[in-house]
Amino acid sequence: MKNSLVIGLLMLAFVITTNKSFSQSNKVIDPAFNLTIQQIILTSDKTLEFDLYLKNLDKKQPFELALLQACILINPAFYEGGEITVSLVEGKSDLNETQKPQAVIFSKETHAIKLPSRTLKPYSKNTGDDKPRGTIISDKGQGTFVCRIKISNTIAFTKAPVNLAFNFSKQPYPTMISRYIEYMNTPLICNEQNCIVKK
């Protein structure tokens, strides 16, 4: 009786622990990609531009992009006293037509540049359509060019560093990437190790 009770309690603890770990594992730990800010250039005393790239670091399997949104924080001391606007620099993104960024937003209150994602039609098991819906992300060179963003100010920028940095928390807006794994839109963990600002 005593042994049965102990075994029962151990089994209950295992079930609770297992359910807890499954409920918390809604994101896949996938270190095999980099989202990078590159080529940060002052094109004038009132404008700064930079590129976003996404690269597949796993040469053994393709990376089919499902969703990409980014939040990039900027040092408010860099534009002290001015009014900021942000825009996408015209040019060819390497993302496919359904995933190319169409807008970029600046929040003065949170000092955040927000690049919203575009929603893809999900795969349907009933259609038999197994062609990629998302962009296949390159594993060569810098990776796949996402877009070039321009920051413009009404007055000259200060001499303070711009200190661009990805934000990962829900506030003011999360940087998020997901990929199709076996046709399922699978969120990935984004952090300081795989979302990087290259100087």
N, C-alpha and C. Protein backbone atom coordinates (compact mmCIF):
# COMPACT_ATOMS: atom_id res chain seq x y z
N MET A 1 0.84 -1.21 0.00
CA MET A 1 0.00 0.00 0.00
C MET A 1 0.87 1.26 0.00
N LYS A 2 1.89 1.22 0.89
CA LYS A 2 2.78 2.38 0.99
C LYS A 2 3.55 2.57 -0.31
N ASN A 3 4.05 1.43 -0.87
CA ASN A 3 4.79 1.50 -2.14
C ASN A 3 3.90 2.00 -3.27
N SER A 4 2.65 1.54 -3.29
CA SER A 4 1.71 1.98 -4.33
C SER A 4 1.47 3.48 -4.25
N LEU A 5 1.36 3.99 -3.03
CA LEU A 5 1.15 5.43 -2.83
C LEU A 5 2.35 6.23 -3.32
N VAL A 6 3.55 5.76 -3.01
CA VAL A 6 4.79 6.45 -3.44
C VAL A 6 4.88 6.44 -4.96
N ILE A 7 4.61 5.28 -5.57
CA ILE A 7 4.67 5.18 -7.04
C ILE A 7 3.63 6.10 -7.67
N GLY A 8 2.44 6.12 -7.08
CA GLY A 8 1.39 6.99 -7.60
C GLY A 8 1.76 8.46 -7.54
N LEU A 9 2.37 8.88 -6.42
CA LEU A 9 2.80 10.28 -6.27
C LEU A 9 3.90 10.63 -7.27
N LEU A 10 4.85 9.69 -7.46
CA LEU A 10 5.92 9.92 -8.43
C LEU A 10 5.37 10.06 -9.84
N MET A 11 4.40 9.22 -10.19
CA MET A 11 3.80 9.30 -11.52
C MET A 11 3.06 10.62 -11.71
N LEU A 12 2.34 11.05 -10.66
CA LEU A 12 1.63 12.33 -10.72
C LEU A 12 2.60 13.50 -10.91
N ALA A 13 3.71 13.47 -10.19
CA ALA A 13 4.73 14.52 -10.32
C ALA A 13 5.32 14.53 -11.72
N PHE A 14 5.53 13.34 -12.29
CA PHE A 14 6.07 13.24 -13.65
C PHE A 14 5.11 13.85 -14.66
N VAL A 15 3.81 13.51 -14.52
CA VAL A 15 2.79 14.03 -15.44
C VAL A 15 2.70 15.55 -15.35
N ILE A 16 2.71 16.10 -14.13
CA ILE A 16 2.63 17.56 -13.95
C ILE A 16 3.84 18.24 -14.56
N THR A 17 5.04 17.68 -14.29
CA THR A 17 6.28 18.26 -14.83
C THR A 17 6.29 18.19 -16.36
N THR A 18 5.86 17.03 -16.90
CA THR A 18 5.85 16.86 -18.36
C THR A 18 4.88 17.84 -19.00
N ASN A 19 3.67 17.96 -18.44
CA ASN A 19 2.69 18.90 -19.00
C ASN A 19 3.19 20.32 -18.94
N LYS A 20 3.86 20.69 -17.84
CA LYS A 20 4.39 22.04 -17.69
C LYS A 20 5.45 22.32 -18.75
N SER A 21 6.34 21.35 -18.96
CA SER A 21 7.41 21.58 -19.94
C SER A 21 6.84 21.65 -21.35
N PHE A 22 5.81 20.83 -21.66
CA PHE A 22 5.21 20.91 -22.99
C PHE A 22 4.51 22.25 -23.19
N SER A 23 3.82 22.74 -22.16
CA SER A 23 3.08 24.00 -22.31
C SER A 23 4.03 25.18 -22.48
N GLN A 24 5.25 25.07 -21.96
CA GLN A 24 6.20 26.18 -22.08
C GLN A 24 7.06 26.08 -23.33
N SER A 25 6.94 24.97 -24.06
CA SER A 25 7.83 24.78 -25.21
C SER A 25 7.11 25.10 -26.52
N ASN A 26 6.47 26.25 -26.58
CA ASN A 26 5.77 26.64 -27.80
C ASN A 26 6.72 27.25 -28.83
N LYS A 27 7.97 27.46 -28.45
CA LYS A 27 8.97 27.95 -29.39
C LYS A 27 10.09 26.93 -29.52
N VAL A 28 10.67 26.88 -30.71
CA VAL A 28 11.74 25.94 -30.98
C VAL A 28 13.08 26.64 -30.79
N ILE A 29 13.97 25.98 -30.04
CA ILE A 29 15.33 26.50 -29.91
C ILE A 29 16.07 26.16 -31.20
N ASP A 30 16.37 27.17 -31.98
CA ASP A 30 16.98 26.96 -33.29
C ASP A 30 18.12 27.96 -33.46
N PRO A 31 19.34 27.55 -33.09
CA PRO A 31 20.46 28.49 -33.19
C PRO A 31 20.99 28.63 -34.61
N ALA A 32 20.36 27.94 -35.56
CA ALA A 32 20.93 27.84 -36.90
C ALA A 32 20.50 28.97 -37.82
N PHE A 33 20.34 30.17 -37.28
CA PHE A 33 20.07 31.33 -38.14
C PHE A 33 20.63 32.57 -37.47
N ASN A 34 20.84 33.59 -38.28
CA ASN A 34 21.22 34.92 -37.79
C ASN A 34 20.34 35.96 -38.46
N LEU A 35 19.80 36.86 -37.67
CA LEU A 35 19.19 38.09 -38.18
C LEU A 35 20.17 39.20 -37.83
N THR A 36 20.64 39.92 -38.82
CA THR A 36 21.68 40.91 -38.56
C THR A 36 21.32 42.29 -39.10
N ILE A 37 21.76 43.30 -38.35
CA ILE A 37 21.80 44.68 -38.83
C ILE A 37 23.22 44.91 -39.33
N GLN A 38 23.34 45.37 -40.57
CA GLN A 38 24.66 45.54 -41.18
C GLN A 38 24.74 46.88 -41.91
N GLN A 39 25.96 47.28 -42.23
CA GLN A 39 26.22 48.45 -43.06
C GLN A 39 25.47 49.69 -42.56
N ILE A 40 25.72 50.02 -41.30
CA ILE A 40 25.13 51.22 -40.70
C ILE A 40 25.93 52.43 -41.19
N ILE A 41 25.28 53.29 -41.96
CA ILE A 41 26.00 54.38 -42.61
C ILE A 41 25.25 55.70 -42.44
N LEU A 42 25.97 56.74 -42.01
CA LEU A 42 25.43 58.11 -42.03
C LEU A 42 25.55 58.62 -43.45
N THR A 43 24.42 58.75 -44.14
CA THR A 43 24.47 59.23 -45.52
C THR A 43 24.45 60.76 -45.59
N SER A 44 24.09 61.40 -44.49
CA SER A 44 24.21 62.86 -44.32
C SER A 44 24.15 63.13 -42.83
N ASP A 45 24.23 64.40 -42.43
CA ASP A 45 24.17 64.68 -40.99
C ASP A 45 22.77 64.48 -40.43
N LYS A 46 21.78 64.29 -41.33
CA LYS A 46 20.39 64.10 -40.89
C LYS A 46 19.80 62.75 -41.29
N THR A 47 20.56 61.90 -41.93
CA THR A 47 20.04 60.59 -42.34
C THR A 47 21.04 59.48 -42.05
N LEU A 48 20.49 58.36 -41.61
CA LEU A 48 21.28 57.16 -41.34
C LEU A 48 20.56 55.98 -41.97
N GLU A 49 21.31 55.08 -42.60
CA GLU A 49 20.71 53.90 -43.23
C GLU A 49 21.40 52.63 -42.75
N PHE A 50 20.65 51.53 -42.76
CA PHE A 50 21.24 50.23 -42.43
C PHE A 50 20.45 49.12 -43.12
N ASP A 51 21.10 47.95 -43.25
CA ASP A 51 20.50 46.79 -43.90
C ASP A 51 20.12 45.74 -42.87
N LEU A 52 19.08 44.96 -43.21
CA LEU A 52 18.71 43.77 -42.45
C LEU A 52 18.94 42.55 -43.32
N TYR A 53 19.61 41.54 -42.76
CA TYR A 53 19.84 40.27 -43.44
C TYR A 53 19.40 39.13 -42.54
N LEU A 54 18.89 38.07 -43.16
CA LEU A 54 18.58 36.83 -42.46
C LEU A 54 19.37 35.72 -43.14
N LYS A 55 20.09 34.92 -42.34
CA LYS A 55 20.94 33.88 -42.90
C LYS A 55 20.66 32.53 -42.26
N ASN A 56 20.59 31.50 -43.09
CA ASN A 56 20.48 30.12 -42.63
C ASN A 56 21.89 29.61 -42.33
N LEU A 57 22.14 29.20 -41.10
CA LEU A 57 23.47 28.71 -40.73
C LEU A 57 23.58 27.19 -40.81
N ASP A 58 22.48 26.52 -41.14
CA ASP A 58 22.47 25.06 -41.25
C ASP A 58 22.46 24.67 -42.72
N LYS A 59 23.62 24.30 -43.25
CA LYS A 59 23.72 23.99 -44.67
C LYS A 59 23.10 22.63 -45.01
N LYS A 60 22.70 21.86 -44.00
CA LYS A 60 22.15 20.53 -44.26
C LYS A 60 20.66 20.53 -44.56
N GLN A 61 19.96 21.60 -44.17
CA GLN A 61 18.53 21.63 -44.45
C GLN A 61 18.09 23.05 -44.80
N PRO A 62 17.09 23.16 -45.68
CA PRO A 62 16.61 24.49 -46.07
C PRO A 62 15.85 25.17 -44.94
N PHE A 63 15.87 26.48 -44.97
CA PHE A 63 15.14 27.32 -44.01
C PHE A 63 14.07 28.05 -44.79
N GLU A 64 12.81 27.64 -44.63
CA GLU A 64 11.71 28.30 -45.32
C GLU A 64 11.05 29.28 -44.36
N LEU A 65 11.18 30.56 -44.65
CA LEU A 65 10.68 31.61 -43.77
C LEU A 65 9.15 31.62 -43.76
N ALA A 66 8.58 31.68 -42.56
CA ALA A 66 7.14 31.84 -42.42
C ALA A 66 6.80 33.27 -42.01
N LEU A 67 7.54 33.82 -41.05
CA LEU A 67 7.22 35.16 -40.51
C LEU A 67 8.50 35.84 -40.04
N LEU A 68 8.60 37.11 -40.31
CA LEU A 68 9.70 37.91 -39.78
C LEU A 68 9.15 39.28 -39.43
N GLN A 69 9.28 39.66 -38.17
CA GLN A 69 9.02 41.04 -37.77
C GLN A 69 10.17 41.46 -36.86
N ALA A 70 10.46 42.73 -36.85
CA ALA A 70 11.60 43.19 -36.06
C ALA A 70 11.26 44.46 -35.31
N CYS A 71 11.87 44.58 -34.14
CA CYS A 71 11.82 45.82 -33.38
C CYS A 71 13.26 46.21 -33.08
N ILE A 72 13.64 47.39 -33.53
CA ILE A 72 15.01 47.87 -33.37
C ILE A 72 14.97 49.14 -32.54
N LEU A 73 15.64 49.08 -31.40
CA LEU A 73 15.68 50.23 -30.49
C LEU A 73 16.82 51.16 -30.91
N ILE A 74 16.62 52.46 -30.70
CA ILE A 74 17.62 53.46 -31.06
C ILE A 74 17.85 54.37 -29.85
N ASN A 75 19.08 54.77 -29.68
CA ASN A 75 19.45 55.65 -28.57
C ASN A 75 18.79 57.03 -28.76
N PRO A 76 17.90 57.45 -27.85
CA PRO A 76 17.23 58.75 -28.03
C PRO A 76 18.19 59.93 -28.00
N ALA A 77 19.35 59.76 -27.35
CA ALA A 77 20.34 60.85 -27.33
C ALA A 77 20.94 61.10 -28.71
N PHE A 78 20.82 60.11 -29.60
CA PHE A 78 21.36 60.25 -30.96
C PHE A 78 20.59 61.28 -31.78
N TYR A 79 19.30 61.46 -31.49
CA TYR A 79 18.48 62.40 -32.25
C TYR A 79 17.84 63.45 -31.35
N GLU A 80 18.47 63.75 -30.27
CA GLU A 80 17.93 64.68 -29.27
C GLU A 80 17.52 66.01 -29.92
N GLY A 81 16.27 66.41 -29.67
CA GLY A 81 15.80 67.69 -30.17
C GLY A 81 15.20 67.66 -31.55
N GLY A 82 15.29 66.53 -32.24
CA GLY A 82 14.74 66.46 -33.59
C GLY A 82 13.51 65.58 -33.67
N GLU A 83 12.91 65.56 -34.85
CA GLU A 83 11.75 64.69 -35.12
C GLU A 83 12.19 63.62 -36.12
N ILE A 84 11.99 62.37 -35.73
CA ILE A 84 12.45 61.23 -36.54
C ILE A 84 11.32 60.70 -37.43
N THR A 85 11.70 60.36 -38.66
CA THR A 85 10.84 59.56 -39.54
C THR A 85 11.67 58.39 -40.06
N VAL A 86 11.00 57.28 -40.33
CA VAL A 86 11.71 56.12 -40.88
C VAL A 86 11.02 55.68 -42.17
N SER A 87 11.80 55.09 -43.06
CA SER A 87 11.23 54.63 -44.33
C SER A 87 12.05 53.47 -44.85
N LEU A 88 11.46 52.72 -45.77
CA LEU A 88 12.18 51.66 -46.48
C LEU A 88 12.85 52.28 -47.69
N VAL A 89 14.12 51.99 -47.86
CA VAL A 89 14.85 52.49 -49.03
C VAL A 89 14.44 51.64 -50.23
N GLU A 90 14.06 52.31 -51.30
CA GLU A 90 13.65 51.56 -52.48
C GLU A 90 14.79 50.71 -52.99
N GLY A 91 14.46 49.51 -53.35
CA GLY A 91 15.47 48.56 -53.82
C GLY A 91 14.93 47.17 -53.66
N LYS A 92 15.61 46.24 -54.26
CA LYS A 92 15.10 44.88 -54.30
C LYS A 92 15.40 44.13 -53.01
N SER A 93 14.35 43.69 -52.35
CA SER A 93 14.49 42.76 -51.24
C SER A 93 14.61 41.36 -51.83
N ASP A 94 15.37 40.50 -51.18
CA ASP A 94 15.49 39.12 -51.64
C ASP A 94 14.35 38.24 -51.14
N LEU A 95 13.47 38.79 -50.29
CA LEU A 95 12.30 38.03 -49.88
C LEU A 95 11.31 37.97 -51.04
N ASN A 96 10.50 36.90 -51.06
CA ASN A 96 9.55 36.79 -52.17
C ASN A 96 8.45 37.86 -52.06
N GLU A 97 7.64 37.97 -53.10
CA GLU A 97 6.67 39.07 -53.20
C GLU A 97 5.69 39.10 -52.05
N THR A 98 5.36 37.95 -51.49
CA THR A 98 4.38 37.90 -50.41
C THR A 98 5.00 38.21 -49.04
N GLN A 99 6.33 38.30 -48.98
CA GLN A 99 6.99 38.52 -47.70
C GLN A 99 7.83 39.80 -47.64
N LYS A 100 8.00 40.48 -48.75
CA LYS A 100 8.77 41.72 -48.74
C LYS A 100 8.15 42.72 -47.77
N PRO A 101 8.96 43.39 -46.95
CA PRO A 101 8.40 44.42 -46.06
C PRO A 101 7.72 45.52 -46.87
N GLN A 102 6.58 45.99 -46.35
CA GLN A 102 5.84 47.05 -47.03
C GLN A 102 5.78 48.34 -46.24
N ALA A 103 6.15 48.25 -44.96
CA ALA A 103 6.05 49.44 -44.10
C ALA A 103 7.06 49.32 -42.97
N VAL A 104 7.43 50.47 -42.45
CA VAL A 104 8.24 50.54 -41.24
C VAL A 104 7.72 51.72 -40.43
N ILE A 105 7.69 51.55 -39.11
CA ILE A 105 7.04 52.53 -38.23
C ILE A 105 8.02 52.95 -37.14
N PHE A 106 7.97 54.23 -36.76
CA PHE A 106 8.80 54.70 -35.65
C PHE A 106 7.91 55.13 -34.50
N SER A 107 8.25 54.70 -33.28
CA SER A 107 7.55 55.11 -32.07
C SER A 107 8.48 56.02 -31.27
N LYS A 108 8.11 57.30 -31.18
CA LYS A 108 8.93 58.26 -30.43
C LYS A 108 8.91 57.95 -28.93
N GLU A 109 7.77 57.46 -28.44
CA GLU A 109 7.62 57.18 -27.01
C GLU A 109 8.54 56.06 -26.54
N THR A 110 8.73 55.05 -27.40
CA THR A 110 9.55 53.89 -27.00
C THR A 110 10.89 53.84 -27.73
N HIS A 111 11.15 54.84 -28.59
CA HIS A 111 12.42 54.91 -29.34
C HIS A 111 12.64 53.61 -30.13
N ALA A 112 11.57 53.15 -30.78
CA ALA A 112 11.60 51.84 -31.44
C ALA A 112 11.22 51.96 -32.91
N ILE A 113 11.99 51.27 -33.75
CA ILE A 113 11.67 51.13 -35.17
C ILE A 113 11.01 49.76 -35.32
N LYS A 114 9.79 49.76 -35.84
CA LYS A 114 9.02 48.51 -35.94
C LYS A 114 8.85 48.12 -37.41
N LEU A 115 9.28 46.90 -37.71
CA LEU A 115 9.11 46.34 -39.05
C LEU A 115 8.07 45.24 -38.96
N PRO A 116 6.81 45.52 -39.34
CA PRO A 116 5.75 44.52 -39.20
C PRO A 116 5.93 43.36 -40.18
N SER A 117 5.42 42.19 -39.78
CA SER A 117 5.46 41.02 -40.66
C SER A 117 4.27 41.04 -41.60
N ARG A 118 4.35 40.18 -42.60
CA ARG A 118 3.22 39.96 -43.50
C ARG A 118 2.74 38.53 -43.30
N THR A 119 1.45 38.35 -43.32
CA THR A 119 0.87 37.03 -43.04
C THR A 119 0.75 36.22 -44.32
N LEU A 120 1.25 35.00 -44.27
CA LEU A 120 1.14 34.08 -45.41
C LEU A 120 -0.07 33.18 -45.22
N LYS A 121 -0.65 32.76 -46.33
CA LYS A 121 -1.70 31.75 -46.27
C LYS A 121 -1.06 30.44 -45.80
N PRO A 122 -1.62 29.80 -44.78
CA PRO A 122 -0.99 28.58 -44.26
C PRO A 122 -1.10 27.42 -45.25
N TYR A 123 -0.20 26.45 -45.08
CA TYR A 123 -0.29 25.23 -45.87
C TYR A 123 -1.57 24.49 -45.50
N SER A 124 -2.16 23.82 -46.46
CA SER A 124 -3.31 22.97 -46.20
C SER A 124 -2.95 21.54 -46.57
N LYS A 125 -3.15 20.63 -45.65
CA LYS A 125 -2.83 19.22 -45.90
C LYS A 125 -3.71 18.64 -46.99
N ASN A 126 -4.86 19.25 -47.23
CA ASN A 126 -5.82 18.69 -48.18
C ASN A 126 -5.53 19.08 -49.63
N THR A 127 -4.73 20.13 -49.83
CA THR A 127 -4.51 20.60 -51.21
C THR A 127 -3.41 19.83 -51.92
N GLY A 128 -2.53 19.20 -51.16
CA GLY A 128 -1.41 18.51 -51.77
C GLY A 128 -0.36 19.47 -52.30
N ASP A 129 -0.47 20.75 -51.96
CA ASP A 129 0.48 21.76 -52.42
C ASP A 129 1.70 21.74 -51.52
N ASP A 130 2.80 21.21 -52.02
CA ASP A 130 4.01 21.14 -51.20
C ASP A 130 5.09 22.10 -51.68
N LYS A 131 4.72 23.03 -52.57
CA LYS A 131 5.69 24.03 -53.00
C LYS A 131 5.89 25.04 -51.88
N PRO A 132 7.12 25.54 -51.71
CA PRO A 132 7.38 26.51 -50.63
C PRO A 132 6.51 27.76 -50.78
N ARG A 133 5.91 28.19 -49.67
CA ARG A 133 5.16 29.44 -49.64
C ARG A 133 6.07 30.58 -49.22
N GLY A 134 6.99 30.27 -48.31
CA GLY A 134 7.90 31.27 -47.79
C GLY A 134 9.21 31.30 -48.56
N THR A 135 9.96 32.37 -48.34
CA THR A 135 11.28 32.51 -48.96
C THR A 135 12.22 31.46 -48.40
N ILE A 136 12.99 30.83 -49.27
CA ILE A 136 14.05 29.93 -48.83
C ILE A 136 15.27 30.80 -48.51
N ILE A 137 15.66 30.80 -47.25
CA ILE A 137 16.70 31.71 -46.78
C ILE A 137 18.08 31.18 -47.15
N SER A 138 18.91 32.07 -47.67
CA SER A 138 20.24 31.69 -48.16
C SER A 138 21.18 31.32 -47.02
N ASP A 139 22.08 30.37 -47.30
CA ASP A 139 23.13 30.02 -46.35
C ASP A 139 24.49 30.52 -46.83
N LYS A 140 24.47 31.39 -47.84
CA LYS A 140 25.72 31.88 -48.43
C LYS A 140 25.91 33.37 -48.15
N GLY A 141 27.18 33.78 -48.10
CA GLY A 141 27.51 35.19 -47.92
C GLY A 141 26.87 35.79 -46.69
N GLN A 142 26.23 36.94 -46.86
CA GLN A 142 25.57 37.61 -45.75
C GLN A 142 24.19 37.02 -45.46
N GLY A 143 23.70 36.19 -46.36
CA GLY A 143 22.37 35.62 -46.22
C GLY A 143 21.40 36.29 -47.17
N THR A 144 20.14 36.29 -46.82
CA THR A 144 19.07 36.87 -47.64
C THR A 144 18.82 38.31 -47.21
N PHE A 145 18.88 39.22 -48.19
CA PHE A 145 18.66 40.64 -47.91
C PHE A 145 17.17 40.87 -47.64
N VAL A 146 16.85 41.39 -46.46
CA VAL A 146 15.46 41.64 -46.07
C VAL A 146 15.03 43.03 -46.54
N CYS A 147 15.78 44.06 -46.16
CA CYS A 147 15.44 45.43 -46.56
C CYS A 147 16.52 46.38 -46.07
N ARG A 148 16.45 47.60 -46.58
CA ARG A 148 17.29 48.70 -46.11
C ARG A 148 16.37 49.76 -45.50
N ILE A 149 16.71 50.20 -44.31
CA ILE A 149 15.88 51.16 -43.57
C ILE A 149 16.62 52.48 -43.46
N LYS A 150 15.89 53.58 -43.67
CA LYS A 150 16.47 54.93 -43.54
C LYS A 150 15.82 55.65 -42.36
N ILE A 151 16.67 56.23 -41.51
CA ILE A 151 16.22 57.07 -40.40
C ILE A 151 16.55 58.51 -40.76
N SER A 152 15.53 59.37 -40.77
CA SER A 152 15.74 60.78 -41.10
C SER A 152 15.36 61.65 -39.91
N ASN A 153 16.11 62.73 -39.72
CA ASN A 153 15.86 63.65 -38.62
C ASN A 153 15.65 65.05 -39.18
N THR A 154 14.88 65.87 -38.46
CA THR A 154 14.65 67.24 -38.92
C THR A 154 15.85 68.14 -38.67
N ILE A 155 16.72 67.74 -37.74
CA ILE A 155 17.97 68.47 -37.49
C ILE A 155 19.12 67.47 -37.50
N ALA A 156 20.33 67.96 -37.46
CA ALA A 156 21.49 67.07 -37.50
C ALA A 156 21.51 66.16 -36.27
N PHE A 157 21.92 64.92 -36.51
CA PHE A 157 22.09 63.98 -35.40
C PHE A 157 23.19 64.49 -34.46
N THR A 158 23.11 64.08 -33.21
CA THR A 158 24.14 64.46 -32.24
C THR A 158 25.36 63.55 -32.42
N LYS A 159 26.36 63.76 -31.60
CA LYS A 159 27.56 62.92 -31.65
C LYS A 159 27.42 61.68 -30.76
N ALA A 160 26.26 61.50 -30.12
CA ALA A 160 26.03 60.31 -29.30
C ALA A 160 25.95 59.08 -30.21
N PRO A 161 26.35 57.90 -29.72
CA PRO A 161 26.26 56.69 -30.55
C PRO A 161 24.80 56.33 -30.82
N VAL A 162 24.53 55.73 -31.99
CA VAL A 162 23.16 55.38 -32.36
C VAL A 162 22.68 54.18 -31.55
N ASN A 163 23.58 53.25 -31.23
CA ASN A 163 23.27 52.09 -30.37
C ASN A 163 22.02 51.33 -30.81
N LEU A 164 21.95 50.95 -32.09
CA LEU A 164 20.84 50.12 -32.55
C LEU A 164 20.89 48.77 -31.84
N ALA A 165 19.72 48.26 -31.47
CA ALA A 165 19.66 46.97 -30.76
C ALA A 165 18.30 46.34 -31.00
N PHE A 166 18.27 45.02 -31.19
CA PHE A 166 17.00 44.30 -31.33
C PHE A 166 16.30 44.21 -29.98
N ASN A 167 14.98 44.32 -30.01
CA ASN A 167 14.17 44.12 -28.81
C ASN A 167 13.48 42.77 -28.90
N PHE A 168 13.45 42.03 -27.77
CA PHE A 168 12.85 40.69 -27.78
C PHE A 168 11.62 40.57 -26.87
N SER A 169 11.36 41.57 -26.05
CA SER A 169 10.21 41.50 -25.15
C SER A 169 8.95 42.00 -25.86
N LYS A 170 7.79 41.69 -25.28
CA LYS A 170 6.52 42.07 -25.89
C LYS A 170 6.36 43.58 -25.98
N GLN A 171 6.95 44.29 -25.03
CA GLN A 171 6.89 45.76 -25.05
C GLN A 171 8.25 46.31 -25.47
N PRO A 172 8.33 47.24 -26.40
CA PRO A 172 7.19 47.83 -27.09
C PRO A 172 6.71 47.00 -28.29
N TYR A 173 7.49 45.98 -28.70
CA TYR A 173 7.16 45.20 -29.88
C TYR A 173 8.25 44.14 -29.98
N PRO A 174 7.89 42.89 -30.19
CA PRO A 174 8.93 41.84 -30.19
C PRO A 174 9.54 41.60 -31.57
N THR A 175 10.82 41.25 -31.58
CA THR A 175 11.44 40.71 -32.78
C THR A 175 11.08 39.23 -32.83
N MET A 176 10.47 38.80 -33.94
CA MET A 176 9.99 37.43 -34.05
C MET A 176 10.32 36.84 -35.41
N ILE A 177 10.72 35.57 -35.41
CA ILE A 177 10.95 34.83 -36.64
C ILE A 177 10.32 33.45 -36.48
N SER A 178 9.66 32.99 -37.54
CA SER A 178 9.20 31.61 -37.54
C SER A 178 9.51 31.00 -38.91
N ARG A 179 9.60 29.69 -38.93
CA ARG A 179 9.91 28.98 -40.16
C ARG A 179 8.93 27.82 -40.31
N TYR A 180 8.79 27.36 -41.54
CA TYR A 180 7.98 26.17 -41.77
C TYR A 180 8.82 24.93 -41.49
N ILE A 181 8.35 24.14 -40.55
CA ILE A 181 8.95 22.84 -40.27
C ILE A 181 7.86 21.81 -40.48
N GLU A 182 8.04 20.96 -41.50
CA GLU A 182 7.02 19.98 -41.89
C GLU A 182 5.67 20.68 -42.11
N TYR A 183 5.72 21.81 -42.83
CA TYR A 183 4.55 22.61 -43.22
C TYR A 183 3.89 23.35 -42.07
N MET A 184 4.46 23.25 -40.88
CA MET A 184 3.89 23.94 -39.72
C MET A 184 4.65 25.24 -39.47
N ASN A 185 3.92 26.34 -39.27
CA ASN A 185 4.52 27.62 -38.93
C ASN A 185 5.06 27.52 -37.50
N THR A 186 6.38 27.45 -37.37
CA THR A 186 7.02 27.15 -36.08
C THR A 186 7.80 28.34 -35.57
N PRO A 187 7.37 28.97 -34.47
CA PRO A 187 8.10 30.12 -33.91
C PRO A 187 9.47 29.68 -33.40
N LEU A 188 10.46 30.53 -33.61
CA LEU A 188 11.83 30.28 -33.16
C LEU A 188 12.18 31.24 -32.03
N ILE A 189 13.14 30.87 -31.25
CA ILE A 189 13.59 31.75 -30.17
C ILE A 189 14.58 32.77 -30.75
N CYS A 190 14.28 34.04 -30.56
CA CYS A 190 15.16 35.12 -30.99
C CYS A 190 15.81 35.72 -29.75
N ASN A 191 17.13 35.88 -29.79
CA ASN A 191 17.84 36.45 -28.64
C ASN A 191 19.13 37.11 -29.10
N GLU A 192 19.95 37.51 -28.13
CA GLU A 192 21.19 38.25 -28.45
C GLU A 192 22.21 37.38 -29.18
N GLN A 193 22.03 36.05 -29.14
CA GLN A 193 22.98 35.18 -29.81
C GLN A 193 22.71 35.05 -31.31
N ASN A 194 21.43 35.17 -31.72
CA ASN A 194 21.14 34.98 -33.14
C ASN A 194 20.57 36.24 -33.83
N CYS A 195 20.33 37.30 -33.09
CA CYS A 195 19.91 38.58 -33.67
C CYS A 195 20.96 39.61 -33.28
N ILE A 196 21.76 40.01 -34.23
CA ILE A 196 23.03 40.68 -33.94
C ILE A 196 23.15 41.99 -34.72
N VAL A 197 23.76 42.96 -34.09
CA VAL A 197 24.14 44.20 -34.78
C VAL A 197 25.62 44.10 -35.12
N LYS A 198 25.94 44.12 -36.41
CA LYS A 198 27.34 44.07 -36.85
C LYS A 198 27.85 45.48 -37.03
N LYS A 199 28.92 45.78 -36.36
CA LYS A 199 29.50 47.12 -36.40
C LYS A 199 30.22 47.35 -37.72
